[in-house]
Amino acid sequence: MADQPSMRIDSVVLPPDVQPTYANFAAVNHTPWDFRVTFAQLQVPHERGSGEVVLTPRAVVDLVLPAGAVHGLIMALKENYDAYLAAYGPPALQGDADQPPG
C-alpha cells in the first residue's frame, strides 16, 4: 500500500476587504449536522417599565460549522487560551472589560 501524501494547512490569508469584527457575546446552537455560533455585541442596557433591565445583543457574525470541525476549533481555542493565561493571567470577567482596547 502506498504512503499517503502529507497535508499541511498554511496560514489563513485575509483579503483586504475582510475586517476584524468585535463581539462580546456568543450564542451557540446545534443540529445533528452542524453547530451555529452567533457572535454579537451587547448593547447598552435599557429598562422596561417593570424595572427589568434588558440587554439586546446585536448579531455581527453568524457562523455555521460542520459538526466534524468543532473538535478542532475547541482544541485551537484551548491551546490559545492556555497561551493567553501563561502570558497575561486570567482575563477580566464579562462586563469588566466588554469593550475592545483603544
PDB file of N, CA and C in Angstrom:
ATOM      1  N   MET A   1       0.837  -1.170   0.000  1.00  0.00           N
ATOM      2  CA  MET A   1       0.000   0.000   0.000  1.00  0.00           C
ATOM      3  C   MET A   1       0.884   1.237   0.000  1.00  0.00           C
ATOM      4  N   ALA A   2       0.581   2.188  -0.854  1.00  0.00           N
ATOM      5  CA  ALA A   2       1.391   3.404  -0.986  1.00  0.00           C
ATOM      6  C   ALA A   2       1.170   4.318   0.210  1.00  0.00           C
ATOM      7  N   ASP A   3       2.234   5.031   0.559  1.00  0.00           N
ATOM      8  CA  ASP A   3       2.119   6.010   1.648  1.00  0.00           C
ATOM      9  C   ASP A   3       1.168   7.129   1.238  1.00  0.00           C
ATOM     10  N   GLN A   4       0.393   7.587   2.216  1.00  0.00           N
ATOM     11  CA  GLN A   4      -0.494   8.724   1.976  1.00  0.00           C
ATOM     12  C   GLN A   4       0.346   9.999   1.918  1.00  0.00           C
ATOM     13  N   PRO A   5       0.057  10.883   0.968  1.00  0.00           N
ATOM     14  CA  PRO A   5       0.792  12.154   0.954  1.00  0.00           C
ATOM     15  C   PRO A   5       0.429  12.974   2.196  1.00  0.00           C
ATOM     16  N   SER A   6       1.385  13.707   2.713  1.00  0.00           N
ATOM     17  CA  SER A   6       1.105  14.531   3.881  1.00  0.00           C
ATOM     18  C   SER A   6       0.402  15.818   3.442  1.00  0.00           C
ATOM     19  N   MET A   7      -0.378  16.354   4.338  1.00  0.00           N
ATOM     20  CA  MET A   7      -1.084  17.585   4.042  1.00  0.00           C
ATOM     21  C   MET A   7      -0.841  18.561   5.180  1.00  0.00           C
ATOM     22  N   ARG A   8      -0.642  19.809   4.811  1.00  0.00           N
ATOM     23  CA  ARG A   8      -0.406  20.851   5.802  1.00  0.00           C
ATOM     24  C   ARG A   8      -1.276  22.038   5.428  1.00  0.00           C
ATOM     25  N   ILE A   9      -1.935  22.616   6.420  1.00  0.00           N
ATOM     26  CA  ILE A   9      -2.734  23.815   6.173  1.00  0.00           C
ATOM     27  C   ILE A   9      -1.855  25.013   6.477  1.00  0.00           C
ATOM     28  N   ASP A  10      -1.718  25.874   5.499  1.00  0.00           N
ATOM     29  CA  ASP A  10      -0.897  27.077   5.632  1.00  0.00           C
ATOM     30  C   ASP A  10      -1.661  28.123   6.440  1.00  0.00           C
ATOM     31  N   SER A  11      -1.042  29.256   6.698  1.00  0.00           N
ATOM     32  CA  SER A  11      -1.712  30.309   7.458  1.00  0.00           C
ATOM     33  C   SER A  11      -2.872  30.885   6.643  1.00  0.00           C
ATOM     34  N   VAL A  12      -3.847  31.408   7.340  1.00  0.00           N
ATOM     35  CA  VAL A  12      -5.047  31.965   6.710  1.00  0.00           C
ATOM     36  C   VAL A  12      -4.696  33.257   5.993  1.00  0.00           C
ATOM     37  N   VAL A  13      -5.191  33.384   4.788  1.00  0.00           N
ATOM     38  CA  VAL A  13      -4.987  34.609   4.012  1.00  0.00           C
ATOM     39  C   VAL A  13      -6.224  35.483   4.184  1.00  0.00           C
ATOM     40  N   LEU A  14      -6.035  36.687   4.689  1.00  0.00           N
ATOM     41  CA  LEU A  14      -7.138  37.623   4.855  1.00  0.00           C
ATOM     42  C   LEU A  14      -7.149  38.599   3.686  1.00  0.00           C
ATOM     43  N   PRO A  15      -8.166  38.530   2.839  1.00  0.00           N
ATOM     44  CA  PRO A  15      -8.279  39.511   1.770  1.00  0.00           C
ATOM     45  C   PRO A  15      -8.455  40.910   2.363  1.00  0.00           C
ATOM     46  N   PRO A  16      -8.092  41.945   1.621  1.00  0.00           N
ATOM     47  CA  PRO A  16      -8.161  43.305   2.168  1.00  0.00           C
ATOM     48  C   PRO A  16      -9.578  43.743   2.557  1.00  0.00           C
ATOM     49  N   ASP A  17     -10.610  43.134   1.977  1.00  0.00           N
ATOM     50  CA  ASP A  17     -11.974  43.547   2.311  1.00  0.00           C
ATOM     51  C   ASP A  17     -12.515  42.861   3.562  1.00  0.00           C
ATOM     52  N   VAL A  18     -11.766  41.948   4.166  1.00  0.00           N
ATOM     53  CA  VAL A  18     -12.198  41.284   5.402  1.00  0.00           C
ATOM     54  C   VAL A  18     -11.607  42.056   6.576  1.00  0.00           C
ATOM     55  N   GLN A  19     -12.502  42.611   7.389  1.00  0.00           N
ATOM     56  CA  GLN A  19     -12.084  43.416   8.527  1.00  0.00           C
ATOM     57  C   GLN A  19     -12.432  42.696   9.827  1.00  0.00           C
ATOM     58  N   PRO A  20     -11.640  42.892  10.886  1.00  0.00           N
ATOM     59  CA  PRO A  20     -11.977  42.296  12.172  1.00  0.00           C
ATOM     60  C   PRO A  20     -13.328  42.807  12.664  1.00  0.00           C
ATOM     61  N   THR A  21     -14.058  41.947  13.356  1.00  0.00           N
ATOM     62  CA  THR A  21     -15.355  42.312  13.914  1.00  0.00           C
ATOM     63  C   THR A  21     -15.331  41.996  15.396  1.00  0.00           C
ATOM     64  N   TYR A  22     -15.634  42.993  16.211  1.00  0.00           N
ATOM     65  CA  TYR A  22     -15.621  42.818  17.667  1.00  0.00           C
ATOM     66  C   TYR A  22     -16.946  42.231  18.140  1.00  0.00           C
ATOM     67  N   ALA A  23     -16.876  41.257  19.038  1.00  0.00           N
ATOM     68  CA  ALA A  23     -18.064  40.683  19.663  1.00  0.00           C
ATOM     69  C   ALA A  23     -17.752  40.422  21.136  1.00  0.00           C
ATOM     70  N   ASN A  24     -18.725  40.686  22.002  1.00  0.00           N
ATOM     71  CA  ASN A  24     -18.537  40.411  23.431  1.00  0.00           C
ATOM     72  C   ASN A  24     -19.601  39.449  23.963  1.00  0.00           C
ATOM     73  N   PHE A  25     -20.257  38.742  23.032  1.00  0.00           N
ATOM     74  CA  PHE A  25     -21.289  37.777  23.399  1.00  0.00           C
ATOM     75  C   PHE A  25     -21.356  36.731  22.292  1.00  0.00           C
ATOM     76  N   ALA A  26     -21.627  35.483  22.668  1.00  0.00           N
ATOM     77  CA  ALA A  26     -21.813  34.426  21.670  1.00  0.00           C
ATOM     78  C   ALA A  26     -22.938  33.504  22.120  1.00  0.00           C
ATOM     79  N   ALA A  27     -23.775  33.125  21.172  1.00  0.00           N
ATOM     80  CA  ALA A  27     -24.831  32.148  21.413  1.00  0.00           C
ATOM     81  C   ALA A  27     -24.510  30.929  20.555  1.00  0.00           C
ATOM     82  N   VAL A  28     -24.625  29.734  21.128  1.00  0.00           N
ATOM     83  CA  VAL A  28     -24.266  28.502  20.419  1.00  0.00           C
ATOM     84  C   VAL A  28     -25.477  27.577  20.368  1.00  0.00           C
ATOM     85  N   ASN A  29     -25.741  27.029  19.186  1.00  0.00           N
ATOM     86  CA  ASN A  29     -26.804  26.042  18.985  1.00  0.00           C
ATOM     87  C   ASN A  29     -26.261  24.941  18.082  1.00  0.00           C
ATOM     88  N   HIS A  30     -26.983  23.829  17.990  1.00  0.00           N
ATOM     89  CA  HIS A  30     -26.513  22.745  17.126  1.00  0.00           C
ATOM     90  C   HIS A  30     -27.690  21.967  16.546  1.00  0.00           C
ATOM     91  N   THR A  31     -27.396  21.284  15.461  1.00  0.00           N
ATOM     92  CA  THR A  31     -28.296  20.301  14.861  1.00  0.00           C
ATOM     93  C   THR A  31     -27.496  19.005  14.801  1.00  0.00           C
ATOM     94  N   PRO A  32     -28.060  17.927  14.306  1.00  0.00           N
ATOM     95  CA  PRO A  32     -27.255  16.704  14.160  1.00  0.00           C
ATOM     96  C   PRO A  32     -26.089  16.874  13.178  1.00  0.00           C
ATOM     97  N   TRP A  33     -26.113  17.907  12.344  1.00  0.00           N
ATOM     98  CA  TRP A  33     -25.119  18.055  11.280  1.00  0.00           C
ATOM     99  C   TRP A  33     -24.128  19.184  11.495  1.00  0.00           C
ATOM    100  N   ASP A  34     -24.526  20.219  12.251  1.00  0.00           N
ATOM    101  CA  ASP A  34     -23.640  21.373  12.354  1.00  0.00           C
ATOM    102  C   ASP A  34     -23.844  22.127  13.660  1.00  0.00           C
ATOM    103  N   PHE A  35     -22.937  23.044  13.909  1.00  0.00           N
ATOM    104  CA  PHE A  35     -23.017  23.947  15.048  1.00  0.00           C
ATOM    105  C   PHE A  35     -23.133  25.361  14.513  1.00  0.00           C
ATOM    106  N   ARG A  36     -23.953  26.163  15.157  1.00  0.00           N
ATOM    107  CA  ARG A  36     -24.110  27.569  14.772  1.00  0.00           C
ATOM    108  C   ARG A  36     -23.652  28.409  15.949  1.00  0.00           C
ATOM    109  N   VAL A  37     -22.707  29.305  15.681  1.00  0.00           N
ATOM    110  CA  VAL A  37     -22.220  30.241  16.686  1.00  0.00           C
ATOM    111  C   VAL A  37     -22.558  31.639  16.183  1.00  0.00           C
ATOM    112  N   THR A  38     -23.403  32.328  16.915  1.00  0.00           N
ATOM    113  CA  THR A  38     -23.772  33.686  16.558  1.00  0.00           C
ATOM    114  C   THR A  38     -23.038  34.623  17.499  1.00  0.00           C
ATOM    115  N   PHE A  39     -22.118  35.398  16.950  1.00  0.00           N
ATOM    116  CA  PHE A  39     -21.364  36.376  17.724  1.00  0.00           C
ATOM    117  C   PHE A  39     -22.129  37.692  17.680  1.00  0.00           C
ATOM    118  N   ALA A  40     -22.140  38.389  18.818  1.00  0.00           N
ATOM    119  CA  ALA A  40     -22.917  39.627  18.902  1.00  0.00           C
ATOM    120  C   ALA A  40     -22.210  40.637  19.786  1.00  0.00           C
ATOM    121  N   GLN A  41     -22.672  41.870  19.676  1.00  0.00           N
ATOM    122  CA  GLN A  41     -22.247  42.934  20.571  1.00  0.00           C
ATOM    123  C   GLN A  41     -23.417  43.232  21.492  1.00  0.00           C
ATOM    124  N   LEU A  42     -23.168  43.189  22.806  1.00  0.00           N
ATOM    125  CA  LEU A  42     -24.209  43.567  23.759  1.00  0.00           C
ATOM    126  C   LEU A  42     -24.342  45.081  23.729  1.00  0.00           C
ATOM    127  N   GLN A  43     -25.562  45.537  23.576  1.00  0.00           N
ATOM    128  CA  GLN A  43     -25.840  46.963  23.515  1.00  0.00           C
ATOM    129  C   GLN A  43     -26.041  47.513  24.920  1.00  0.00           C
ATOM    130  N   VAL A  44     -26.089  48.814  25.025  1.00  0.00           N
ATOM    131  CA  VAL A  44     -26.319  49.461  26.311  1.00  0.00           C
ATOM    132  C   VAL A  44     -27.660  48.983  26.855  1.00  0.00           C
ATOM    133  N   PRO A  45     -27.690  48.560  28.109  1.00  0.00           N
ATOM    134  CA  PRO A  45     -28.959  48.049  28.657  1.00  0.00           C
ATOM    135  C   PRO A  45     -30.011  49.152  28.723  1.00  0.00           C
ATOM    136  N   HIS A  46     -31.259  48.747  28.584  1.00  0.00           N
ATOM    137  CA  HIS A  46     -32.368  49.677  28.777  1.00  0.00           C
ATOM    138  C   HIS A  46     -33.341  49.055  29.764  1.00  0.00           C
ATOM    139  N   GLU A  47     -34.098  49.909  30.424  1.00  0.00           N
ATOM    140  CA  GLU A  47     -35.011  49.430  31.456  1.00  0.00           C
ATOM    141  C   GLU A  47     -36.431  49.444  30.923  1.00  0.00           C
ATOM    142  N   ARG A  48     -37.118  48.326  31.130  1.00  0.00           N
ATOM    143  CA  ARG A  48     -38.541  48.259  30.800  1.00  0.00           C
ATOM    144  C   ARG A  48     -39.321  48.931  31.924  1.00  0.00           C
ATOM    145  N   GLY A  49     -40.563  49.224  31.666  1.00  0.00           N
ATOM    146  CA  GLY A  49     -41.411  49.876  32.654  1.00  0.00           C
ATOM    147  C   GLY A  49     -41.502  49.107  33.964  1.00  0.00           C
ATOM    148  N   SER A  50     -41.317  47.798  33.921  1.00  0.00           N
ATOM    149  CA  SER A  50     -41.432  46.970  35.123  1.00  0.00           C
ATOM    150  C   SER A  50     -40.179  47.025  35.995  1.00  0.00           C
ATOM    151  N   GLY A  51     -39.162  47.768  35.565  1.00  0.00           N
ATOM    152  CA  GLY A  51     -37.904  47.812  36.299  1.00  0.00           C
ATOM    153  C   GLY A  51     -36.922  46.753  35.843  1.00  0.00           C
ATOM    154  N   GLU A  52     -37.349  45.895  34.903  1.00  0.00           N
ATOM    155  CA  GLU A  52     -36.466  44.852  34.370  1.00  0.00           C
ATOM    156  C   GLU A  52     -35.453  45.478  33.415  1.00  0.00           C
ATOM    157  N   VAL A  53     -34.181  45.135  33.591  1.00  0.00           N
ATOM    158  CA  VAL A  53     -33.119  45.617  32.706  1.00  0.00           C
ATOM    159  C   VAL A  53     -32.942  44.607  31.586  1.00  0.00           C
ATOM    160  N   VAL A  54     -32.919  45.092  30.366  1.00  0.00           N
ATOM    161  CA  VAL A  54     -32.839  44.214  29.203  1.00  0.00           C
ATOM    162  C   VAL A  54     -31.578  44.529  28.405  1.00  0.00           C
ATOM    163  N   LEU A  55     -30.801  43.497  28.113  1.00  0.00           N
ATOM    164  CA  LEU A  55     -29.650  43.625  27.228  1.00  0.00           C
ATOM    165  C   LEU A  55     -30.061  43.084  25.871  1.00  0.00           C
ATOM    166  N   THR A  56     -29.767  43.812  24.823  1.00  0.00           N
ATOM    167  CA  THR A  56     -30.156  43.389  23.481  1.00  0.00           C
ATOM    168  C   THR A  56     -28.906  43.132  22.647  1.00  0.00           C
ATOM    169  N   PRO A  57     -28.510  41.864  22.480  1.00  0.00           N
ATOM    170  CA  PRO A  57     -27.353  41.580  21.631  1.00  0.00           C
ATOM    171  C   PRO A  57     -27.671  41.882  20.168  1.00  0.00           C
ATOM    172  N   ARG A  58     -26.706  42.495  19.474  1.00  0.00           N
ATOM    173  CA  ARG A  58     -26.833  42.757  18.041  1.00  0.00           C
ATOM    174  C   ARG A  58     -25.850  41.845  17.330  1.00  0.00           C
ATOM    175  N   ALA A  59     -26.377  40.890  16.549  1.00  0.00           N
ATOM    176  CA  ALA A  59     -25.518  39.922  15.866  1.00  0.00           C
ATOM    177  C   ALA A  59     -24.591  40.624  14.890  1.00  0.00           C
ATOM    178  N   VAL A  60     -23.327  40.195  14.881  1.00  0.00           N
ATOM    179  CA  VAL A  60     -22.355  40.740  13.941  1.00  0.00           C
ATOM    180  C   VAL A  60     -21.782  39.657  13.025  1.00  0.00           C
ATOM    181  N   VAL A  61     -21.820  38.385  13.481  1.00  0.00           N
ATOM    182  CA  VAL A  61     -21.353  37.257  12.679  1.00  0.00           C
ATOM    183  C   VAL A  61     -22.200  36.043  13.034  1.00  0.00           C
ATOM    184  N   ASP A  62     -22.682  35.340  12.033  1.00  0.00           N
ATOM    185  CA  ASP A  62     -23.435  34.106  12.243  1.00  0.00           C
ATOM    186  C   ASP A  62     -22.665  33.002  11.534  1.00  0.00           C
ATOM    187  N   LEU A  63     -21.990  32.163  12.296  1.00  0.00           N
ATOM    188  CA  LEU A  63     -21.070  31.165  11.752  1.00  0.00           C
ATOM    189  C   LEU A  63     -21.667  29.770  11.900  1.00  0.00           C
ATOM    190  N   VAL A  64     -21.706  29.016  10.801  1.00  0.00           N
ATOM    191  CA  VAL A  64     -22.187  27.639  10.832  1.00  0.00           C
ATOM    192  C   VAL A  64     -21.006  26.731  10.500  1.00  0.00           C
ATOM    193  N   LEU A  65     -20.712  25.792  11.410  1.00  0.00           N
ATOM    194  CA  LEU A  65     -19.584  24.873  11.248  1.00  0.00           C
ATOM    195  C   LEU A  65     -20.095  23.445  11.146  1.00  0.00           C
ATOM    196  N   PRO A  66     -19.511  22.634  10.257  1.00  0.00           N
ATOM    197  CA  PRO A  66     -19.882  21.221  10.263  1.00  0.00           C
ATOM    198  C   PRO A  66     -19.475  20.605  11.601  1.00  0.00           C
ATOM    199  N   ALA A  67     -20.284  19.671  12.083  1.00  0.00           N
ATOM    200  CA  ALA A  67     -20.030  19.067  13.397  1.00  0.00           C
ATOM    201  C   ALA A  67     -18.610  18.511  13.504  1.00  0.00           C
ATOM    202  N   GLY A  68     -18.084  17.966  12.416  1.00  0.00           N
ATOM    203  CA  GLY A  68     -16.741  17.384  12.436  1.00  0.00           C
ATOM    204  C   GLY A  68     -15.629  18.395  12.650  1.00  0.00           C
ATOM    205  N   ALA A  69     -15.900  19.692  12.441  1.00  0.00           N
ATOM    206  CA  ALA A  69     -14.874  20.722  12.601  1.00  0.00           C
ATOM    207  C   ALA A  69     -14.836  21.293  14.016  1.00  0.00           C
ATOM    208  N   VAL A  70     -15.845  21.001  14.824  1.00  0.00           N
ATOM    209  CA  VAL A  70     -15.958  21.633  16.135  1.00  0.00           C
ATOM    210  C   VAL A  70     -14.855  21.181  17.088  1.00  0.00           C
ATOM    211  N   HIS A  71     -14.490  19.904  17.064  1.00  0.00           N
ATOM    212  CA  HIS A  71     -13.429  19.423  17.959  1.00  0.00           C
ATOM    213  C   HIS A  71     -12.132  20.197  17.698  1.00  0.00           C
ATOM    214  N   GLY A  72     -11.771  20.380  16.433  1.00  0.00           N
ATOM    215  CA  GLY A  72     -10.559  21.136  16.110  1.00  0.00           C
ATOM    216  C   GLY A  72     -10.634  22.576  16.589  1.00  0.00           C
ATOM    217  N   LEU A  73     -11.813  23.192  16.481  1.00  0.00           N
ATOM    218  CA  LEU A  73     -11.994  24.565  16.968  1.00  0.00           C
ATOM    219  C   LEU A  73     -11.814  24.619  18.480  1.00  0.00           C
ATOM    220  N   ILE A  74     -12.406  23.666  19.196  1.00  0.00           N
ATOM    221  CA  ILE A  74     -12.272  23.631  20.650  1.00  0.00           C
ATOM    222  C   ILE A  74     -10.807  23.462  21.046  1.00  0.00           C
ATOM    223  N   MET A  75     -10.090  22.582  20.378  1.00  0.00           N
ATOM    224  CA  MET A  75      -8.674  22.365  20.693  1.00  0.00           C
ATOM    225  C   MET A  75      -7.847  23.620  20.399  1.00  0.00           C
ATOM    226  N   ALA A  76      -8.134  24.297  19.277  1.00  0.00           N
ATOM    227  CA  ALA A  76      -7.409  25.524  18.934  1.00  0.00           C
ATOM    228  C   ALA A  76      -7.705  26.620  19.956  1.00  0.00           C
ATOM    229  N   LEU A  77      -8.961  26.744  20.370  1.00  0.00           N
ATOM    230  CA  LEU A  77      -9.311  27.734  21.391  1.00  0.00           C
ATOM    231  C   LEU A  77      -8.616  27.419  22.713  1.00  0.00           C
ATOM    232  N   LYS A  78      -8.606  26.143  23.102  1.00  0.00           N
ATOM    233  CA  LYS A  78      -7.961  25.755  24.359  1.00  0.00           C
ATOM    234  C   LYS A  78      -6.464  26.054  24.318  1.00  0.00           C
ATOM    235  N   GLU A  79      -5.820  25.701  23.216  1.00  0.00           N
ATOM    236  CA  GLU A  79      -4.381  25.954  23.086  1.00  0.00           C
ATOM    237  C   GLU A  79      -4.085  27.456  23.187  1.00  0.00           C
ATOM    238  N   ASN A  80      -4.873  28.263  22.505  1.00  0.00           N
ATOM    239  CA  ASN A  80      -4.655  29.708  22.545  1.00  0.00           C
ATOM    240  C   ASN A  80      -5.032  30.305  23.893  1.00  0.00           C
ATOM    241  N   TYR A  81      -6.075  29.776  24.526  1.00  0.00           N
ATOM    242  CA  TYR A  81      -6.462  30.269  25.852  1.00  0.00           C
ATOM    243  C   TYR A  81      -5.378  29.945  26.874  1.00  0.00           C
ATOM    244  N   ASP A  82      -4.818  28.748  26.808  1.00  0.00           N
ATOM    245  CA  ASP A  82      -3.727  28.380  27.710  1.00  0.00           C
ATOM    246  C   ASP A  82      -2.515  29.295  27.510  1.00  0.00           C
ATOM    247  N   ALA A  83      -2.197  29.621  26.257  1.00  0.00           N
ATOM    248  CA  ALA A  83      -1.090  30.536  25.970  1.00  0.00           C
ATOM    249  C   ALA A  83      -1.408  31.936  26.508  1.00  0.00           C
ATOM    250  N   TYR A  84      -2.662  32.371  26.380  1.00  0.00           N
ATOM    251  CA  TYR A  84      -3.086  33.668  26.912  1.00  0.00           C
ATOM    252  C   TYR A  84      -2.893  33.698  28.428  1.00  0.00           C
ATOM    253  N   LEU A  85      -3.358  32.637  29.120  1.00  0.00           N
ATOM    254  CA  LEU A  85      -3.215  32.574  30.569  1.00  0.00           C
ATOM    255  C   LEU A  85      -1.751  32.641  30.989  1.00  0.00           C
ATOM    256  N   ALA A  86      -0.894  31.931  30.261  1.00  0.00           N
ATOM    257  CA  ALA A  86       0.534  31.934  30.584  1.00  0.00           C
ATOM    258  C   ALA A  86       1.144  33.322  30.391  1.00  0.00           C
ATOM    259  N   ALA A  87       0.683  34.041  29.377  1.00  0.00           N
ATOM    260  CA  ALA A  87       1.262  35.349  29.067  1.00  0.00           C
ATOM    261  C   ALA A  87       0.659  36.479  29.895  1.00  0.00           C
ATOM    262  N   TYR A  88      -0.663  36.439  30.151  1.00  0.00           N
ATOM    263  CA  TYR A  88      -1.345  37.590  30.731  1.00  0.00           C
ATOM    264  C   TYR A  88      -2.107  37.302  32.014  1.00  0.00           C
ATOM    265  N   GLY A  89      -2.267  36.033  32.377  1.00  0.00           N
ATOM    266  CA  GLY A  89      -3.081  35.690  33.536  1.00  0.00           C
ATOM    267  C   GLY A  89      -4.551  35.646  33.152  1.00  0.00           C
ATOM    268  N   PRO A  90      -5.423  35.388  34.126  1.00  0.00           N
ATOM    269  CA  PRO A  90      -6.851  35.269  33.825  1.00  0.00           C
ATOM    270  C   PRO A  90      -7.417  36.583  33.293  1.00  0.00           C
ATOM    271  N   PRO A  91      -8.293  36.507  32.294  1.00  0.00           N
ATOM    272  CA  PRO A  91      -8.899  37.728  31.755  1.00  0.00           C
ATOM    273  C   PRO A  91      -9.951  38.278  32.707  1.00  0.00           C
ATOM    274  N   ALA A  92     -10.316  39.539  32.495  1.00  0.00           N
ATOM    275  CA  ALA A  92     -11.395  40.142  33.272  1.00  0.00           C
ATOM    276  C   ALA A  92     -12.691  39.408  32.958  1.00  0.00           C
ATOM    277  N   LEU A  93     -13.597  39.375  33.919  1.00  0.00           N
ATOM    278  CA  LEU A  93     -14.888  38.745  33.694  1.00  0.00           C
ATOM    279  C   LEU A  93     -15.713  39.572  32.718  1.00  0.00           C
ATOM    280  N   GLN A  94     -16.639  38.906  32.021  1.00  0.00           N
ATOM    281  CA  GLN A  94     -17.532  39.591  31.087  1.00  0.00           C
ATOM    282  C   GLN A  94     -18.186  40.776  31.813  1.00  0.00           C
ATOM    283  N   GLY A  95     -18.184  41.903  31.168  1.00  0.00           N
ATOM    284  CA  GLY A  95     -18.745  43.106  31.787  1.00  0.00           C
ATOM    285  C   GLY A  95     -17.664  43.993  32.386  1.00  0.00           C
ATOM    286  N   ASP A  96     -16.547  43.400  32.837  1.00  0.00           N
ATOM    287  CA  ASP A  96     -15.447  44.193  33.382  1.00  0.00           C
ATOM    288  C   ASP A  96     -14.621  44.804  32.265  1.00  0.00           C
ATOM    289  N   ALA A  97     -14.541  44.099  31.153  1.00  0.00           N
ATOM    290  CA  ALA A  97     -13.743  44.581  30.019  1.00  0.00           C
ATOM    291  C   ALA A  97     -14.494  44.216  28.733  1.00  0.00           C
ATOM    292  N   ASP A  98     -15.681  44.786  28.602  1.00  0.00           N
ATOM    293  CA  ASP A  98     -16.531  44.388  27.480  1.00  0.00           C
ATOM    294  C   ASP A  98     -16.399  45.289  26.263  1.00  0.00           C
ATOM    295  N   GLN A  99     -15.366  46.113  26.248  1.00  0.00           N
ATOM    296  CA  GLN A  99     -15.117  46.966  25.082  1.00  0.00           C
ATOM    297  C   GLN A  99     -13.724  46.638  24.529  1.00  0.00           C
ATOM    298  N   PRO A 100     -13.560  46.757  23.212  1.00  0.00           N
ATOM    299  CA  PRO A 100     -12.237  46.485  22.650  1.00  0.00           C
ATOM    300  C   PRO A 100     -11.233  47.527  23.120  1.00  0.00           C
ATOM    301  N   PRO A 101      -9.941  47.156  23.160  1.00  0.00           N
ATOM    302  CA  PRO A 101      -8.935  48.130  23.577  1.00  0.00           C
ATOM    303  C   PRO A 101      -8.846  49.281  22.574  1.00  0.00           C
ATOM    304  N   GLY A 102      -8.443  50.444  23.088  1.00  0.00           N
ATOM    305  CA  GLY A 102      -8.206  51.598  22.218  1.00  0.00           C
ATOM    306  C   GLY A 102      -9.459  52.266  21.838  1.00  0.00           C
TER     307      GLY A 102
END
